[in-house]
């Protein structure tokens, strides 16, 4: 009798423990060659935009509901698309330097979803840990998923990642040399 009660108790404990383990869900690898990350940064006298390549990524689904994701961007691939020639080379070199993304030391940036909340059909509010220059901070943004495609727009405060060059929040009398603290990322994914 005691053996039967003990077996039943063990079965219940292990059954509950197994039932409360989080499920991974269906992990879908992102097609890096057909996915894009476009950046746009703003200054008093205008803006610049370009791309950075996605190194790897995946989205996790439970059925057709988004539940997670993780991405890595190749910061050494950062390019400006709005300039040509010497100006283009100068801007790209400056963005890769210690003043901005320090791509020689920090070759990649990473985003890991920590919370996904459905806000409507195919729409989600996502919070994730974004790591730039080895500094991790939370960001919240919207994601839309349609079939095998997902899009997101993320606003990033560069000063949270120790990128303060030309910031009016840290330096006075910059005038028309002021670069705004926030930049935008538009992410289009195929999986």
C-alpha atoms as a PDB file:
ATOM      1  CA  UNK A   1       0.000   0.000   0.000  1.00  0.00           C
ATOM      2  CA  UNK A   2       2.782   2.421   0.982  1.00  0.00           C
ATOM      3  CA  UNK A   3       4.598   1.577  -2.255  1.00  0.00           C
ATOM      4  CA  UNK A   4       1.440   2.368  -4.279  1.00  0.00           C
ATOM      5  CA  UNK A   5       0.932   5.732  -2.490  1.00  0.00           C
ATOM      6  CA  UNK A   6       4.614   6.621  -2.975  1.00  0.00           C
ATOM      7  CA  UNK A   7       4.430   5.746  -6.690  1.00  0.00           C
ATOM      8  CA  UNK A   8       1.282   7.836  -7.071  1.00  0.00           C
ATOM      9  CA  UNK A   9       2.875  10.790  -5.222  1.00  0.00           C
ATOM     10  CA  UNK A  10       6.021  10.598  -7.387  1.00  0.00           C
ATOM     11  CA  UNK A  11       3.938  10.385 -10.547  1.00  0.00           C
ATOM     12  CA  UNK A  12       1.961  13.482  -9.500  1.00  0.00           C
ATOM     13  CA  UNK A  13       5.120  15.476  -8.614  1.00  0.00           C
ATOM     14  CA  UNK A  14       6.878  14.617 -11.865  1.00  0.00           C
ATOM     15  CA  UNK A  15       3.686  15.073 -13.865  1.00  0.00           C
ATOM     16  CA  UNK A  16       3.163  18.584 -12.432  1.00  0.00           C
ATOM     17  CA  UNK A  17       6.828  19.450 -12.925  1.00  0.00           C
ATOM     18  CA  UNK A  18       6.691  18.351 -16.547  1.00  0.00           C
ATOM     19  CA  UNK A  19       3.409  20.173 -17.162  1.00  0.00           C
ATOM     20  CA  UNK A  20       4.839  23.491 -15.885  1.00  0.00           C
ATOM     21  CA  UNK A  21       7.986  23.413 -18.038  1.00  0.00           C
ATOM     22  CA  UNK A  22       7.813  26.072 -20.741  1.00  0.00           C
ATOM     23  CA  UNK A  23       7.324  24.765 -24.250  1.00  0.00           C
ATOM     24  CA  UNK A  24       9.734  25.917 -26.910  1.00  0.00           C
ATOM     25  CA  UNK A  25       7.151  25.964 -29.685  1.00  0.00           C
ATOM     26  CA  UNK A  26       7.860  25.970 -33.400  1.00  0.00           C
ATOM     27  CA  UNK A  27      11.170  27.719 -34.123  1.00  0.00           C
ATOM     28  CA  UNK A  28      11.373  29.252 -37.599  1.00  0.00           C
ATOM     29  CA  UNK A  29      14.794  30.306 -38.877  1.00  0.00           C
ATOM     30  CA  UNK A  30      14.878  33.687 -40.596  1.00  0.00           C
ATOM     31  CA  UNK A  31      16.180  33.801 -44.171  1.00  0.00           C
ATOM     32  CA  UNK A  32      19.010  36.284 -43.698  1.00  0.00           C
ATOM     33  CA  UNK A  33      19.630  36.801 -47.429  1.00  0.00           C
ATOM     34  CA  UNK A  34      16.068  38.025 -48.063  1.00  0.00           C
ATOM     35  CA  UNK A  35      15.537  39.875 -44.753  1.00  0.00           C
ATOM     36  CA  UNK A  36      16.547  43.514 -44.229  1.00  0.00           C
ATOM     37  CA  UNK A  37      17.387  45.903 -41.405  1.00  0.00           C
ATOM     38  CA  UNK A  38      17.182  49.544 -42.469  1.00  0.00           C
ATOM     39  CA  UNK A  39      18.391  52.310 -40.151  1.00  0.00           C
ATOM     40  CA  UNK A  40      17.614  56.024 -40.238  1.00  0.00           C
ATOM     41  CA  UNK A  41      19.354  58.604 -38.044  1.00  0.00           C
ATOM     42  CA  UNK A  42      18.450  62.261 -37.688  1.00  0.00           C
ATOM     43  CA  UNK A  43      20.358  65.493 -37.199  1.00  0.00           C
ATOM     44  CA  UNK A  44      19.321  69.149 -37.114  1.00  0.00           C
ATOM     45  CA  UNK A  45      20.163  69.608 -40.804  1.00  0.00           C
ATOM     46  CA  UNK A  46      18.591  66.376 -42.121  1.00  0.00           C
ATOM     47  CA  UNK A  47      19.039  62.624 -41.867  1.00  0.00           C
ATOM     48  CA  UNK A  48      20.994  59.629 -43.136  1.00  0.00           C
ATOM     49  CA  UNK A  49      19.826  56.100 -43.817  1.00  0.00           C
ATOM     50  CA  UNK A  50      21.293  52.744 -44.713  1.00  0.00           C
ATOM     51  CA  UNK A  51      21.317  49.062 -43.873  1.00  0.00           C
ATOM     52  CA  UNK A  52      22.996  46.517 -41.649  1.00  0.00           C
ATOM     53  CA  UNK A  53      22.941  42.790 -42.436  1.00  0.00           C
ATOM     54  CA  UNK A  54      21.175  40.202 -40.354  1.00  0.00           C
ATOM     55  CA  UNK A  55      23.677  37.515 -39.297  1.00  0.00           C
ATOM     56  CA  UNK A  56      21.127  35.074 -37.863  1.00  0.00           C
ATOM     57  CA  UNK A  57      17.627  35.028 -36.459  1.00  0.00           C
ATOM     58  CA  UNK A  58      14.622  32.986 -35.524  1.00  0.00           C
ATOM     59  CA  UNK A  59      11.025  33.499 -34.500  1.00  0.00           C
ATOM     60  CA  UNK A  60       9.171  31.135 -32.190  1.00  0.00           C
ATOM     61  CA  UNK A  61       5.486  30.364 -32.640  1.00  0.00           C
ATOM     62  CA  UNK A  62       2.888  28.442 -30.691  1.00  0.00           C
ATOM     63  CA  UNK A  63       0.583  27.458 -33.520  1.00  0.00           C
ATOM     64  CA  UNK A  64       0.186  30.710 -35.432  1.00  0.00           C
ATOM     65  CA  UNK A  65       0.901  32.949 -32.401  1.00  0.00           C
ATOM     66  CA  UNK A  66       4.295  34.630 -32.048  1.00  0.00           C
ATOM     67  CA  UNK A  67       5.854  33.764 -28.672  1.00  0.00           C
ATOM     68  CA  UNK A  68       9.567  34.587 -28.994  1.00  0.00           C
ATOM     69  CA  UNK A  69      12.519  35.512 -31.142  1.00  0.00           C
ATOM     70  CA  UNK A  70      16.247  36.116 -31.242  1.00  0.00           C
ATOM     71  CA  UNK A  71      18.395  37.986 -33.767  1.00  0.00           C
ATOM     72  CA  UNK A  72      22.008  38.939 -34.380  1.00  0.00           C
ATOM     73  CA  UNK A  73      23.112  41.761 -36.697  1.00  0.00           C
ATOM     74  CA  UNK A  74      26.544  42.037 -38.343  1.00  0.00           C
ATOM     75  CA  UNK A  75      27.612  45.558 -37.358  1.00  0.00           C
ATOM     76  CA  UNK A  76      30.641  45.443 -39.669  1.00  0.00           C
ATOM     77  CA  UNK A  77      28.194  45.392 -42.621  1.00  0.00           C
ATOM     78  CA  UNK A  78      26.739  48.810 -41.722  1.00  0.00           C
ATOM     79  CA  UNK A  79      26.432  51.005 -44.848  1.00  0.00           C
ATOM     80  CA  UNK A  80      24.914  54.373 -45.747  1.00  0.00           C
ATOM     81  CA  UNK A  81      22.635  54.371 -48.788  1.00  0.00           C
ATOM     82  CA  UNK A  82      21.923  58.092 -49.100  1.00  0.00           C
ATOM     83  CA  UNK A  83      25.484  59.157 -49.967  1.00  0.00           C
ATOM     84  CA  UNK A  84      28.056  58.305 -52.621  1.00  0.00           C
ATOM     85  CA  UNK A  85      31.812  58.493 -53.017  1.00  0.00           C
ATOM     86  CA  UNK A  86      34.008  60.114 -50.390  1.00  0.00           C
ATOM     87  CA  UNK A  87      31.068  61.355 -48.271  1.00  0.00           C
ATOM     88  CA  UNK A  88      29.670  57.807 -48.083  1.00  0.00           C
ATOM     89  CA  UNK A  89      33.054  56.377 -47.022  1.00  0.00           C
ATOM     90  CA  UNK A  90      33.530  59.102 -44.410  1.00  0.00           C
ATOM     91  CA  UNK A  91      30.116  58.564 -42.831  1.00  0.00           C
ATOM     92  CA  UNK A  92      30.444  54.763 -42.798  1.00  0.00           C
ATOM     93  CA  UNK A  93      33.924  54.994 -41.276  1.00  0.00           C
ATOM     94  CA  UNK A  94      32.685  57.393 -38.603  1.00  0.00           C
ATOM     95  CA  UNK A  95      29.673  55.204 -37.744  1.00  0.00           C
ATOM     96  CA  UNK A  96      31.986  52.193 -37.349  1.00  0.00           C
ATOM     97  CA  UNK A  97      34.457  54.155 -35.190  1.00  0.00           C
ATOM     98  CA  UNK A  98      34.671  54.525 -31.389  1.00  0.00           C
ATOM     99  CA  UNK A  99      32.438  57.634 -31.647  1.00  0.00           C
ATOM    100  CA  UNK A 100      29.491  55.442 -32.623  1.00  0.00           C
ATOM    101  CA  UNK A 101      29.272  51.623 -32.896  1.00  0.00           C
ATOM    102  CA  UNK A 102      32.938  50.616 -32.434  1.00  0.00           C
ATOM    103  CA  UNK A 103      32.522  47.732 -34.885  1.00  0.00           C
ATOM    104  CA  UNK A 104      36.115  46.565 -34.613  1.00  0.00           C
ATOM    105  CA  UNK A 105      35.514  45.619 -30.952  1.00  0.00           C
ATOM    106  CA  UNK A 106      31.764  44.976 -31.166  1.00  0.00           C
ATOM    107  CA  UNK A 107      31.187  43.115 -34.423  1.00  0.00           C
ATOM    108  CA  UNK A 108      27.569  42.244 -33.702  1.00  0.00           C
ATOM    109  CA  UNK A 109      24.449  43.462 -31.936  1.00  0.00           C
ATOM    110  CA  UNK A 110      21.758  41.198 -30.560  1.00  0.00           C
ATOM    111  CA  UNK A 111      18.034  41.280 -29.772  1.00  0.00           C
ATOM    112  CA  UNK A 112      16.307  38.651 -27.631  1.00  0.00           C
ATOM    113  CA  UNK A 113      12.534  38.795 -27.091  1.00  0.00           C
ATOM    114  CA  UNK A 114      11.619  38.650 -23.394  1.00  0.00           C
ATOM    115  CA  UNK A 115       7.862  39.304 -23.619  1.00  0.00           C
ATOM    116  CA  UNK A 116       5.365  39.001 -26.476  1.00  0.00           C
ATOM    117  CA  UNK A 117       1.812  40.316 -26.090  1.00  0.00           C
ATOM    118  CA  UNK A 118      -0.837  39.917 -28.761  1.00  0.00           C
ATOM    119  CA  UNK A 119      -2.506  43.260 -29.563  1.00  0.00           C
ATOM    120  CA  UNK A 120      -4.762  42.095 -32.403  1.00  0.00           C
ATOM    121  CA  UNK A 121      -4.863  39.799 -35.406  1.00  0.00           C
ATOM    122  CA  UNK A 122      -1.243  39.328 -36.552  1.00  0.00           C
ATOM    123  CA  UNK A 123      -0.099  42.217 -34.283  1.00  0.00           C
ATOM    124  CA  UNK A 124       2.133  42.038 -31.222  1.00  0.00           C
ATOM    125  CA  UNK A 125       3.796  44.299 -28.690  1.00  0.00           C
ATOM    126  CA  UNK A 126       7.267  42.894 -28.052  1.00  0.00           C
ATOM    127  CA  UNK A 127       9.742  43.721 -25.307  1.00  0.00           C
ATOM    128  CA  UNK A 128      13.261  42.498 -25.808  1.00  0.00           C
ATOM    129  CA  UNK A 129      16.817  42.892 -24.597  1.00  0.00           C
ATOM    130  CA  UNK A 130      18.824  44.823 -27.189  1.00  0.00           C
ATOM    131  CA  UNK A 131      22.616  44.603 -26.924  1.00  0.00           C
ATOM    132  CA  UNK A 132      24.742  47.222 -28.693  1.00  0.00           C
ATOM    133  CA  UNK A 133      28.446  47.733 -27.897  1.00  0.00           C
ATOM    134  CA  UNK A 134      28.177  45.089 -25.164  1.00  0.00           C
ATOM    135  CA  UNK A 135      25.464  47.088 -23.324  1.00  0.00           C
ATOM    136  CA  UNK A 136      22.039  45.470 -22.916  1.00  0.00           C
ATOM    137  CA  UNK A 137      18.873  47.536 -22.433  1.00  0.00           C
ATOM    138  CA  UNK A 138      15.173  46.716 -22.842  1.00  0.00           C
ATOM    139  CA  UNK A 139      13.259  48.014 -25.877  1.00  0.00           C
ATOM    140  CA  UNK A 140       9.551  47.755 -26.678  1.00  0.00           C
ATOM    141  CA  UNK A 141       8.186  47.806 -30.221  1.00  0.00           C
ATOM    142  CA  UNK A 142       5.393  46.521 -32.459  1.00  0.00           C
ATOM    143  CA  UNK A 143       5.649  43.470 -34.712  1.00  0.00           C
ATOM    144  CA  UNK A 144       3.264  42.405 -37.474  1.00  0.00           C
ATOM    145  CA  UNK A 145       3.283  38.852 -38.849  1.00  0.00           C
ATOM    146  CA  UNK A 146       1.680  37.863 -42.162  1.00  0.00           C
ATOM    147  CA  UNK A 147       2.269  34.359 -43.505  1.00  0.00           C
ATOM    148  CA  UNK A 148       6.036  33.839 -43.666  1.00  0.00           C
ATOM    149  CA  UNK A 149       6.897  37.535 -43.232  1.00  0.00           C
ATOM    150  CA  UNK A 150       7.248  39.790 -40.202  1.00  0.00           C
ATOM    151  CA  UNK A 151       7.882  43.522 -39.905  1.00  0.00           C
ATOM    152  CA  UNK A 152       8.911  45.682 -36.977  1.00  0.00           C
ATOM    153  CA  UNK A 153       9.800  49.308 -36.347  1.00  0.00           C
ATOM    154  CA  UNK A 154      12.103  49.979 -33.421  1.00  0.00           C
ATOM    155  CA  UNK A 155      13.089  53.364 -32.000  1.00  0.00           C
ATOM    156  CA  UNK A 156      16.471  53.209 -30.243  1.00  0.00           C
ATOM    157  CA  UNK A 157      18.010  55.811 -27.918  1.00  0.00           C
ATOM    158  CA  UNK A 158      21.691  55.545 -28.837  1.00  0.00           C
ATOM    159  CA  UNK A 159      22.830  57.301 -25.638  1.00  0.00           C
ATOM    160  CA  UNK A 160      21.617  54.291 -23.596  1.00  0.00           C
ATOM    161  CA  UNK A 161      24.405  52.349 -25.343  1.00  0.00           C
ATOM    162  CA  UNK A 162      27.123  54.925 -24.627  1.00  0.00           C
ATOM    163  CA  UNK A 163      26.902  56.492 -28.096  1.00  0.00           C
ATOM    164  CA  UNK A 164      26.948  60.177 -27.180  1.00  0.00           C
ATOM    165  CA  UNK A 165      28.830  61.780 -30.095  1.00  0.00           C
ATOM    166  CA  UNK A 166      27.076  64.993 -31.184  1.00  0.00           C
ATOM    167  CA  UNK A 167      24.229  64.533 -28.693  1.00  0.00           C
ATOM    168  CA  UNK A 168      22.549  67.735 -27.552  1.00  0.00           C
ATOM    169  CA  UNK A 169      21.697  65.895 -24.324  1.00  0.00           C
ATOM    170  CA  UNK A 170      25.388  65.722 -23.377  1.00  0.00           C
ATOM    171  CA  UNK A 171      27.113  68.565 -25.218  1.00  0.00           C
ATOM    172  CA  UNK A 172      26.233  72.266 -25.376  1.00  0.00           C
ATOM    173  CA  UNK A 173      26.522  74.706 -28.266  1.00  0.00           C
ATOM    174  CA  UNK A 174      26.483  72.080 -31.029  1.00  0.00           C
ATOM    175  CA  UNK A 175      24.145  74.182 -33.145  1.00  0.00           C
ATOM    176  CA  UNK A 176      23.467  72.589 -36.525  1.00  0.00           C
ATOM    177  CA  UNK A 177      25.988  69.811 -35.720  1.00  0.00           C
ATOM    178  CA  UNK A 178      23.533  68.258 -33.229  1.00  0.00           C
ATOM    179  CA  UNK A 179      22.654  64.614 -33.897  1.00  0.00           C
ATOM    180  CA  UNK A 180      19.398  63.443 -32.331  1.00  0.00           C
ATOM    181  CA  UNK A 181      19.610  60.708 -29.701  1.00  0.00           C
ATOM    182  CA  UNK A 182      17.031  58.389 -31.249  1.00  0.00           C
ATOM    183  CA  UNK A 183      17.396  56.472 -34.482  1.00  0.00           C
ATOM    184  CA  UNK A 184      14.917  54.167 -36.217  1.00  0.00           C
ATOM    185  CA  UNK A 185      15.248  50.577 -37.328  1.00  0.00           C
ATOM    186  CA  UNK A 186      12.797  49.073 -39.799  1.00  0.00           C
ATOM    187  CA  UNK A 187      13.087  45.293 -39.922  1.00  0.00           C
ATOM    188  CA  UNK A 188      11.553  43.142 -42.671  1.00  0.00           C
ATOM    189  CA  UNK A 189      11.922  39.426 -42.081  1.00  0.00           C
ATOM    190  CA  UNK A 190      11.237  36.344 -44.179  1.00  0.00           C
ATOM    191  CA  UNK A 191      11.178  32.897 -42.591  1.00  0.00           C
END
